[in-house]
C-alpha cells in the first residue's frame, strides 16, 4: 500500500498503525486537550481496541477516547 487518504480514527480497526494528519478543531478545548496528550500532526498511532471506546497508543502513551472524539482525529495509514 502506498500513501493513503485520511481516515478518522473512529473508523479504524484494532492493529491499524498510522500517523496523525490533523485534529478537527470543532471544539477548541477538545483539540487543545488532545494536543496536550501528544495527539497532534505527525504523531504515530496504533489502534488497540475499538469497543466500547477507542483505545490507542500515541507515541508510547496509551489513551482511551469516546467514538465522537476519535472521529475528530484524522490518520494517514502506515504503508505496508
Protein backbone atom coordinates (compact mmCIF):
# COMPACT_ATOMS: atom_id res chain seq x y z
CA UNK A 1 0.00 0.00 0.00
CA UNK A 2 1.35 3.43 -0.86
CA UNK A 3 0.31 6.74 0.64
CA UNK A 4 -3.34 6.62 1.51
CA UNK A 5 -6.08 9.10 2.15
CA UNK A 6 -7.02 10.29 5.60
CA UNK A 7 -9.35 8.21 7.78
CA UNK A 8 -10.98 9.16 11.07
CA UNK A 9 -9.55 7.22 14.00
CA UNK A 10 -13.11 6.10 14.81
CA UNK A 11 -13.25 4.11 11.53
CA UNK A 12 -10.00 2.16 12.03
CA UNK A 13 -9.71 -1.46 13.16
CA UNK A 14 -7.57 -2.81 16.01
CA UNK A 15 -3.99 -3.33 14.88
CA UNK A 16 -4.03 -0.40 12.46
CA UNK A 17 -0.99 1.89 12.55
CA UNK A 18 -0.54 5.34 11.08
CA UNK A 19 0.30 9.00 11.63
CA UNK A 20 -1.98 11.80 12.75
CA UNK A 21 -2.60 14.19 9.86
CA UNK A 22 -4.90 16.62 11.64
CA UNK A 23 -7.27 17.06 14.54
CA UNK A 24 -10.56 18.72 13.65
CA UNK A 25 -10.96 21.86 15.69
CA UNK A 26 -14.75 21.76 16.01
CA UNK A 27 -14.35 22.15 19.76
CA UNK A 28 -11.20 24.11 20.58
CA UNK A 29 -10.94 22.76 24.11
CA UNK A 30 -11.01 19.17 22.81
CA UNK A 31 -8.26 19.86 20.26
CA UNK A 32 -6.16 21.54 22.94
CA UNK A 33 -6.60 18.60 25.35
CA UNK A 34 -5.62 16.11 22.65
CA UNK A 35 -2.56 18.19 21.73
CA UNK A 36 -1.53 18.28 25.40
CA UNK A 37 -1.67 14.47 25.38
CA UNK A 38 0.56 14.33 22.29
CA UNK A 39 -2.17 13.73 19.70
CA UNK A 40 -1.02 16.20 17.07
CA UNK A 41 0.03 16.11 13.41
CA UNK A 42 2.96 13.75 12.86
CA UNK A 43 2.35 11.63 15.97
CA UNK A 44 2.34 7.87 15.40
CA UNK A 45 -0.67 5.86 16.49
CA UNK A 46 -1.51 2.19 16.94
CA UNK A 47 -5.17 1.22 17.44
CA UNK A 48 -5.50 -1.28 20.30
CA UNK A 49 -9.28 -1.55 20.81
CA UNK A 50 -12.44 -0.14 19.22
CA UNK A 51 -15.20 -1.25 21.60
CA UNK A 52 -16.72 0.06 23.78
CA UNK A 53 -14.38 3.06 23.40
CA UNK A 54 -11.39 3.68 21.18
CA UNK A 55 -8.10 2.76 22.85
CA UNK A 56 -4.90 3.63 21.01
CA UNK A 57 -1.25 4.17 21.62
CA UNK A 58 0.11 7.56 20.60
CA UNK A 59 3.89 7.86 20.69
CA UNK A 60 4.14 5.28 23.51
CA UNK A 61 1.23 6.67 25.58
CA UNK A 62 -1.96 4.62 25.80
CA UNK A 63 -5.13 6.72 25.51
CA UNK A 64 -8.86 5.94 25.60
CA UNK A 65 -11.38 8.27 23.95
CA UNK A 66 -15.05 8.23 23.07
CA UNK A 67 -16.00 7.45 19.49
CA UNK A 68 -17.06 11.07 18.82
CA UNK A 69 -13.62 12.30 19.93
CA UNK A 70 -11.89 9.65 17.81
CA UNK A 71 -13.89 10.96 14.84
CA UNK A 72 -12.05 14.28 15.11
CA UNK A 73 -8.61 12.64 14.76
CA UNK A 74 -7.65 12.07 11.12
CA UNK A 75 -4.99 9.48 10.35
CA UNK A 76 -2.89 8.50 7.34
CA UNK A 77 -2.42 4.75 7.41
CA UNK A 78 1.09 3.31 7.62
CA UNK A 79 2.44 1.94 4.35
CA UNK A 80 2.62 -1.82 4.17
